[in-house]
Protein backbone atom coordinates (compact mmCIF):
# COMPACT_ATOMS: atom_id res chain seq x y z
CA UNK A 1 59.16 72.07 -21.78
CA UNK A 2 60.99 73.36 -18.71
CA UNK A 3 60.46 71.47 -15.48
CA UNK A 4 58.43 73.15 -12.75
CA UNK A 5 60.59 75.10 -10.35
CA UNK A 6 59.88 77.24 -7.26
CA UNK A 7 62.51 79.58 -8.70
CA UNK A 8 60.08 80.68 -11.40
CA UNK A 9 56.66 82.37 -11.43
CA UNK A 10 54.87 82.22 -14.81
CA UNK A 11 52.43 84.92 -13.68
CA UNK A 12 55.00 87.33 -12.24
CA UNK A 13 54.16 91.02 -12.63
CA UNK A 14 56.62 92.48 -10.13
CA UNK A 15 58.06 94.93 -12.66
CA UNK A 16 55.33 97.31 -13.91
CA UNK A 17 57.31 98.45 -16.98
CA UNK A 18 58.01 94.89 -18.10
CA UNK A 19 54.44 93.74 -17.45
CA UNK A 20 53.07 96.64 -19.51
CA UNK A 21 55.57 95.93 -22.28
CA UNK A 22 54.54 92.28 -22.46
CA UNK A 23 50.88 93.27 -22.67
CA UNK A 24 51.68 95.47 -25.66
CA UNK A 25 53.73 92.70 -27.29
CA UNK A 26 50.87 90.20 -26.85
CA UNK A 27 48.55 92.57 -28.68
CA UNK A 28 51.02 93.09 -31.51
CA UNK A 29 52.12 89.44 -31.74
CA UNK A 30 49.26 87.24 -30.49
CA UNK A 31 51.13 84.06 -31.40
CA UNK A 32 54.14 84.87 -29.23
CA UNK A 33 54.81 83.45 -25.77
CA UNK A 34 55.04 87.06 -24.48
CA UNK A 35 55.24 86.13 -20.79
CA UNK A 36 57.98 85.30 -18.28
CA UNK A 37 60.26 82.71 -19.90
CA UNK A 38 60.93 79.66 -17.70
CA UNK A 39 64.34 78.07 -17.27
CA UNK A 40 64.96 75.16 -19.62
CA UNK A 41 66.76 71.91 -18.92
CA UNK A 42 67.70 69.61 -16.06
CA UNK A 43 66.14 70.18 -12.64
CA UNK A 44 69.47 69.46 -10.91
CA UNK A 45 72.06 70.50 -13.47
CA UNK A 46 75.82 70.22 -13.22
CA UNK A 47 75.99 73.31 -15.45
CA UNK A 48 73.71 76.33 -15.08
CA UNK A 49 73.95 78.90 -17.87
CA UNK A 50 72.75 82.41 -17.05
CA UNK A 51 71.92 84.82 -19.85
CA UNK A 52 70.57 88.36 -19.70
CA UNK A 53 66.90 88.37 -20.76
CA UNK A 54 64.59 86.96 -23.45
CA UNK A 55 64.97 88.39 -26.96
CA UNK A 56 61.96 89.93 -28.70
CA UNK A 57 61.76 87.43 -31.56
CA UNK A 58 63.64 84.67 -29.77
CA UNK A 59 62.74 83.38 -26.31
CA UNK A 60 59.92 85.91 -25.98
CA UNK A 61 58.35 84.34 -29.07
CA UNK A 62 59.15 80.67 -28.46
CA UNK A 63 59.05 80.44 -24.68
CA UNK A 64 62.48 78.78 -24.47
CA UNK A 65 65.73 80.58 -23.58
CA UNK A 66 67.99 81.39 -26.53
CA UNK A 67 65.58 79.80 -29.02
CA UNK A 68 64.59 81.46 -32.27
CA UNK A 69 67.21 84.22 -32.28
CA UNK A 70 70.81 84.67 -33.36
CA UNK A 71 72.26 84.41 -29.86
CA UNK A 72 71.14 80.80 -29.57
CA UNK A 73 72.98 79.60 -32.68
CA UNK A 74 76.45 79.41 -31.15
CA UNK A 75 75.15 78.43 -27.71
CA UNK A 76 73.17 75.35 -28.75
CA UNK A 77 75.76 74.28 -31.32
CA UNK A 78 78.39 74.32 -28.60
CA UNK A 79 76.14 72.59 -26.08
CA UNK A 80 75.56 69.81 -28.61
CA UNK A 81 79.28 69.52 -29.34
CA UNK A 82 80.04 69.06 -25.64
CA UNK A 83 77.24 66.58 -25.02
CA UNK A 84 74.78 68.79 -23.18
CA UNK A 85 72.15 69.12 -25.93
CA UNK A 86 70.46 66.43 -28.02
CA UNK A 87 70.55 68.63 -31.13
CA UNK A 88 72.78 71.39 -32.46
CA UNK A 89 69.93 73.81 -33.09
CA UNK A 90 67.01 74.90 -30.92
CA UNK A 91 64.19 75.74 -33.32
CA UNK A 92 61.08 76.00 -31.13
CA UNK A 93 59.77 75.17 -27.71
CA UNK A 94 58.27 71.89 -28.95
CA UNK A 95 61.07 70.61 -31.21
CA UNK A 96 62.02 67.77 -28.87
CA UNK A 97 65.45 69.10 -27.96
CA UNK A 98 66.64 67.87 -24.56
CA UNK A 99 69.41 69.20 -22.33
CA UNK A 100 71.39 66.69 -20.28
CA UNK A 101 73.02 67.88 -17.06
CA UNK A 102 72.51 71.48 -18.12
CA UNK A 103 69.96 74.20 -17.49
CA UNK A 104 69.59 77.61 -19.15
CA UNK A 105 68.03 80.56 -17.39
CA UNK A 106 68.11 84.36 -17.54
CA UNK A 107 68.92 87.08 -15.03
CA UNK A 108 65.64 88.74 -16.09
CA UNK A 109 62.80 86.41 -17.06
CA UNK A 110 60.71 88.95 -19.04
CA UNK A 111 61.40 90.75 -22.31
CA UNK A 112 62.68 94.28 -21.59
CA UNK A 113 62.12 97.18 -24.02
CA UNK A 114 65.08 97.56 -26.40
CA UNK A 115 66.54 94.41 -24.74
CA UNK A 116 67.71 96.60 -21.85
CA UNK A 117 66.39 95.83 -18.38
CA UNK A 118 66.82 98.52 -15.78
CA UNK A 119 69.02 97.93 -12.75
CA UNK A 120 65.89 97.84 -10.59
CA UNK A 121 64.37 95.16 -12.81
CA UNK A 122 67.51 93.01 -12.62
CA UNK A 123 67.43 93.36 -8.84
CA UNK A 124 63.70 92.56 -8.62
CA UNK A 125 64.16 89.36 -10.61
CA UNK A 126 67.22 88.36 -8.63
CA UNK A 127 65.23 86.46 -6.02
CA UNK A 128 64.32 83.85 -8.65
CA UNK A 129 67.97 83.41 -9.60
CA UNK A 130 68.95 83.20 -5.93
CA UNK A 131 66.54 80.31 -5.37
CA UNK A 132 67.71 78.63 -8.55
CA UNK A 133 71.33 78.78 -7.40
CA UNK A 134 70.31 77.33 -4.05
CA UNK A 135 68.66 74.42 -5.84
CA UNK A 136 71.72 73.39 -7.84
CA UNK A 137 74.11 73.37 -4.87
CA UNK A 138 77.81 74.13 -4.58
CA UNK A 139 79.08 71.25 -6.71
CA UNK A 140 77.86 72.71 -9.99
CA UNK A 141 79.35 75.25 -12.40
CA UNK A 142 77.57 78.48 -13.34
CA UNK A 143 78.36 80.05 -16.70
CA UNK A 144 77.54 83.76 -16.83
CA UNK A 145 77.05 85.10 -20.34
CA UNK A 146 78.03 88.74 -20.15
CA UNK A 147 78.67 91.28 -17.43
CA UNK A 148 75.06 91.82 -16.35
CA UNK A 149 74.49 88.09 -15.87
CA UNK A 150 77.79 87.91 -13.96
CA UNK A 151 76.71 90.70 -11.61
CA UNK A 152 73.27 89.12 -11.16
CA UNK A 153 74.87 85.84 -10.09
CA UNK A 154 77.12 87.61 -7.59
CA UNK A 155 74.17 89.52 -6.18
CA UNK A 156 72.19 86.30 -5.84
CA UNK A 157 75.12 84.77 -3.95
CA UNK A 158 75.45 87.80 -1.67
CA UNK A 159 78.93 88.61 -2.99
CA UNK A 160 80.51 92.02 -3.60
CA UNK A 161 80.89 92.88 -7.30
CA UNK A 162 84.35 94.36 -6.77
CA UNK A 163 85.67 91.15 -5.28
CA UNK A 164 84.99 89.11 -8.42
CA UNK A 165 85.36 91.30 -11.56
CA UNK A 166 83.99 90.05 -14.88
CA UNK A 167 86.47 88.90 -17.52
CA UNK A 168 86.03 86.45 -20.36
CA UNK A 169 87.25 82.96 -19.53
CA UNK A 170 87.93 83.71 -15.87
CA UNK A 171 87.07 81.11 -13.23
CA UNK A 172 85.80 82.45 -9.89
CA UNK A 173 86.05 80.00 -6.98
CA UNK A 174 83.68 81.56 -4.46
CA UNK A 175 83.71 79.79 -1.08
CA UNK A 176 80.53 77.83 -0.41
CA UNK A 177 79.10 78.52 -3.87
CA UNK A 178 79.10 76.95 -7.32
CA UNK A 179 82.17 77.77 -9.41
CA UNK A 180 81.42 80.81 -11.57
CA UNK A 181 82.83 80.98 -15.09
CA UNK A 182 82.56 84.10 -17.25
CA UNK A 183 82.09 84.41 -21.00
CA UNK A 184 81.24 87.20 -23.34
CA UNK A 185 77.60 86.93 -24.36
CA UNK A 186 76.98 85.00 -27.58
CA UNK A 187 75.05 87.92 -29.09
CA UNK A 188 75.00 88.81 -32.75
CA UNK A 189 77.17 91.85 -32.09
CA UNK A 190 79.84 89.92 -30.19
CA UNK A 191 80.04 87.02 -32.62
CA UNK A 192 79.94 89.09 -35.80
CA UNK A 193 82.57 91.54 -34.58
CA UNK A 194 84.85 88.73 -33.45
CA UNK A 195 84.77 89.73 -29.82
CA UNK A 196 83.58 86.18 -29.17
CA UNK A 197 84.70 83.54 -31.67
CA UNK A 198 83.50 79.91 -31.75
CA UNK A 199 86.95 78.80 -30.62
CA UNK A 200 86.89 81.21 -27.68
CA UNK A 201 83.49 79.85 -26.68
CA UNK A 202 84.65 76.24 -27.05
CA UNK A 203 87.61 77.00 -24.80
CA UNK A 204 85.21 78.17 -22.09
CA UNK A 205 83.43 74.82 -22.33
CA UNK A 206 86.73 72.95 -22.20
CA UNK A 207 87.38 74.81 -18.94
CA UNK A 208 83.94 73.80 -17.67
CA UNK A 209 84.59 70.17 -18.60
CA UNK A 210 87.84 70.27 -16.63
CA UNK A 211 86.04 71.73 -13.62
CA UNK A 212 83.34 69.05 -13.72
CA UNK A 213 85.65 66.10 -14.37
């Protein structure tokens, strides 16, 4: 289970559209988590991974980020390879998997319809990410999975988007902030089309290892 954090509210209903959507999902899938998904991993991580939002039959079902859906396959396999995860596959929220020195969170903590949060919803949830970034301090590395997560991190840091454009594999050294590293999202579309290959993803983690060494 994720550790308690002031950067997360399990009862949050700030976004009316998302709250209504989760209510409908709970009725349709009574066994699903169907609530804000907490961050998972170390309370004071060296590496904070920021995704977009919970997937319908993944984190929204299991209550753990990137667990139970296709996007988590490459992520957890790579985390295990680089020593951050105790297992190469995250199967459920109670499977015993542990993250060491790493924490996974999302820019938006609630399942959005069609997996597409609105800009207003990303902004509303940004306060949680801002507090989470404050907790980890400037000596850590933040890995943004995709352009929306990248922009959410910059917003949480109070930085202009145009000053730090998203690009896969790029390292952003923002003064007074954790180092920000970009990667394409490990979604089914990106991995199956070859936009993001396992080797490309491993190279991002080699870069992170170099930054943390």
